Amino acid sequence: MLDVNIGEVTCTGGAGFIGSHVVDLFVQLGYEPLVVDNLQSGNREVLPPQVRYYHVDITSPQIKAVIEKKRG
């Protein structure tokens, strides 16, 4: 694993089967993933503990607050 922080990346659906593998790769490459998932088919437990996670549906109005918080 690399010990470098390249930057932030947002992964929607990151707690699902495919998304969780993408998140793992981002972590290995030195990114700081922010995961947004409504857990309809995903599972929070598959995410690495250092990953920031928001239980939000991307179609809900709450997603705007998540994006603003990330920008802030």
C-alpha atoms as a PDB file:
ATOM      1  CA  MET A   1       0.000   0.000   0.000  1.00  0.00           C
ATOM      2  CA  LEU A   2       1.223   3.460  -0.845  1.00  0.00           C
ATOM      3  CA  ASP A   3       1.713   5.948   1.966  1.00  0.00           C
ATOM      4  CA  VAL A   4       0.718   9.030   0.028  1.00  0.00           C
ATOM      5  CA  ASN A   5      -2.442  11.116  -0.146  1.00  0.00           C
ATOM      6  CA  ILE A   6      -3.235  11.929  -3.768  1.00  0.00           C
ATOM      7  CA  GLY A   7      -6.561  13.606  -3.081  1.00  0.00           C
ATOM      8  CA  GLU A   8     -10.218  13.080  -2.498  1.00  0.00           C
ATOM      9  CA  VAL A   9     -12.631  11.137  -4.643  1.00  0.00           C
ATOM     10  CA  THR A  10     -16.378  10.580  -4.253  1.00  0.00           C
ATOM     11  CA  CYS A  11     -17.794   7.138  -4.932  1.00  0.00           C
ATOM     12  CA  THR A  12     -21.561   6.758  -5.154  1.00  0.00           C
ATOM     13  CA  GLY A  13     -22.757   3.231  -4.445  1.00  0.00           C
ATOM     14  CA  GLY A  14     -19.419   2.578  -2.762  1.00  0.00           C
ATOM     15  CA  ALA A  15     -20.789   0.065  -0.267  1.00  0.00           C
ATOM     16  CA  GLY A  16     -22.072  -2.278  -2.965  1.00  0.00           C
ATOM     17  CA  PHE A  17     -20.209  -5.218  -4.482  1.00  0.00           C
ATOM     18  CA  ILE A  18     -18.498  -3.349  -7.318  1.00  0.00           C
ATOM     19  CA  GLY A  19     -18.285  -0.002  -5.528  1.00  0.00           C
ATOM     20  CA  SER A  20     -16.562  -1.456  -2.472  1.00  0.00           C
ATOM     21  CA  HIS A  21     -13.831  -2.924  -4.685  1.00  0.00           C
ATOM     22  CA  VAL A  22     -13.404   0.456  -6.391  1.00  0.00           C
ATOM     23  CA  VAL A  23     -13.140   2.123  -2.965  1.00  0.00           C
ATOM     24  CA  ASP A  24     -10.498  -0.416  -1.878  1.00  0.00           C
ATOM     25  CA  LEU A  25      -8.472   0.387  -5.003  1.00  0.00           C
ATOM     26  CA  PHE A  26      -8.740   4.129  -4.398  1.00  0.00           C
ATOM     27  CA  VAL A  27      -7.462   3.620  -0.828  1.00  0.00           C
ATOM     28  CA  GLN A  28      -4.554   1.495  -2.090  1.00  0.00           C
ATOM     29  CA  LEU A  29      -3.648   4.200  -4.617  1.00  0.00           C
ATOM     30  CA  GLY A  30      -3.536   6.866  -1.902  1.00  0.00           C
ATOM     31  CA  TYR A  31      -6.874   8.589  -2.408  1.00  0.00           C
ATOM     32  CA  GLU A  32      -9.298   9.572   0.365  1.00  0.00           C
ATOM     33  CA  PRO A  33     -12.650   8.157  -0.792  1.00  0.00           C
ATOM     34  CA  LEU A  34     -15.909   9.678   0.321  1.00  0.00           C
ATOM     35  CA  VAL A  35     -18.658   7.089  -0.062  1.00  0.00           C
ATOM     36  CA  VAL A  36     -22.315   7.934  -0.594  1.00  0.00           C
ATOM     37  CA  ASP A  37     -24.647   4.935  -0.481  1.00  0.00           C
ATOM     38  CA  ASN A  38     -28.238   4.315   0.591  1.00  0.00           C
ATOM     39  CA  LEU A  39     -27.406   0.688   1.486  1.00  0.00           C
ATOM     40  CA  GLN A  40     -30.300  -0.620  -0.573  1.00  0.00           C
ATOM     41  CA  SER A  41     -28.023  -3.404  -1.779  1.00  0.00           C
ATOM     42  CA  GLY A  42     -24.742  -2.433  -0.110  1.00  0.00           C
ATOM     43  CA  ASN A  43     -23.238  -3.047   3.313  1.00  0.00           C
ATOM     44  CA  ARG A  44     -21.329  -0.502   5.434  1.00  0.00           C
ATOM     45  CA  GLU A  45     -19.182  -3.285   6.892  1.00  0.00           C
ATOM     46  CA  VAL A  46     -17.385  -3.878   3.560  1.00  0.00           C
ATOM     47  CA  LEU A  47     -15.804  -0.408   3.634  1.00  0.00           C
ATOM     48  CA  PRO A  48     -12.393   0.260   5.156  1.00  0.00           C
ATOM     49  CA  PRO A  49     -12.708   2.030   8.529  1.00  0.00           C
ATOM     50  CA  GLN A  50     -10.865   5.171   7.382  1.00  0.00           C
ATOM     51  CA  VAL A  51     -13.360   5.887   4.599  1.00  0.00           C
ATOM     52  CA  ARG A  52     -15.828   8.740   5.143  1.00  0.00           C
ATOM     53  CA  TYR A  53     -19.318   7.387   4.577  1.00  0.00           C
ATOM     54  CA  TYR A  54     -22.710   9.066   4.207  1.00  0.00           C
ATOM     55  CA  HIS A  55     -25.937   7.073   4.291  1.00  0.00           C
ATOM     56  CA  VAL A  56     -27.747   9.120   1.664  1.00  0.00           C
ATOM     57  CA  ASP A  57     -29.609   8.379  -1.538  1.00  0.00           C
ATOM     58  CA  ILE A  58     -28.129  10.435  -4.380  1.00  0.00           C
ATOM     59  CA  THR A  59     -31.653  11.364  -5.524  1.00  0.00           C
ATOM     60  CA  SER A  60     -32.570  12.899  -2.161  1.00  0.00           C
ATOM     61  CA  PRO A  61     -32.245  16.602  -1.322  1.00  0.00           C
ATOM     62  CA  GLN A  62     -29.777  15.623   1.447  1.00  0.00           C
ATOM     63  CA  ILE A  63     -27.072  14.975  -1.154  1.00  0.00           C
ATOM     64  CA  LYS A  64     -26.613  18.734  -1.559  1.00  0.00           C
ATOM     65  CA  ALA A  65     -25.544  19.037   2.092  1.00  0.00           C
ATOM     66  CA  VAL A  66     -23.023  16.214   1.641  1.00  0.00           C
ATOM     67  CA  ILE A  67     -21.513  17.906  -1.406  1.00  0.00           C
ATOM     68  CA  GLU A  68     -21.352  21.268   0.361  1.00  0.00           C
ATOM     69  CA  LYS A  69     -19.693  19.676   3.383  1.00  0.00           C
ATOM     70  CA  LYS A  70     -17.101  18.063   1.123  1.00  0.00           C
ATOM     71  CA  ARG A  71     -16.348  21.376  -0.588  1.00  0.00           C
ATOM     72  CA  GLY A  72     -16.125  23.239   2.733  1.00  0.00           C
END
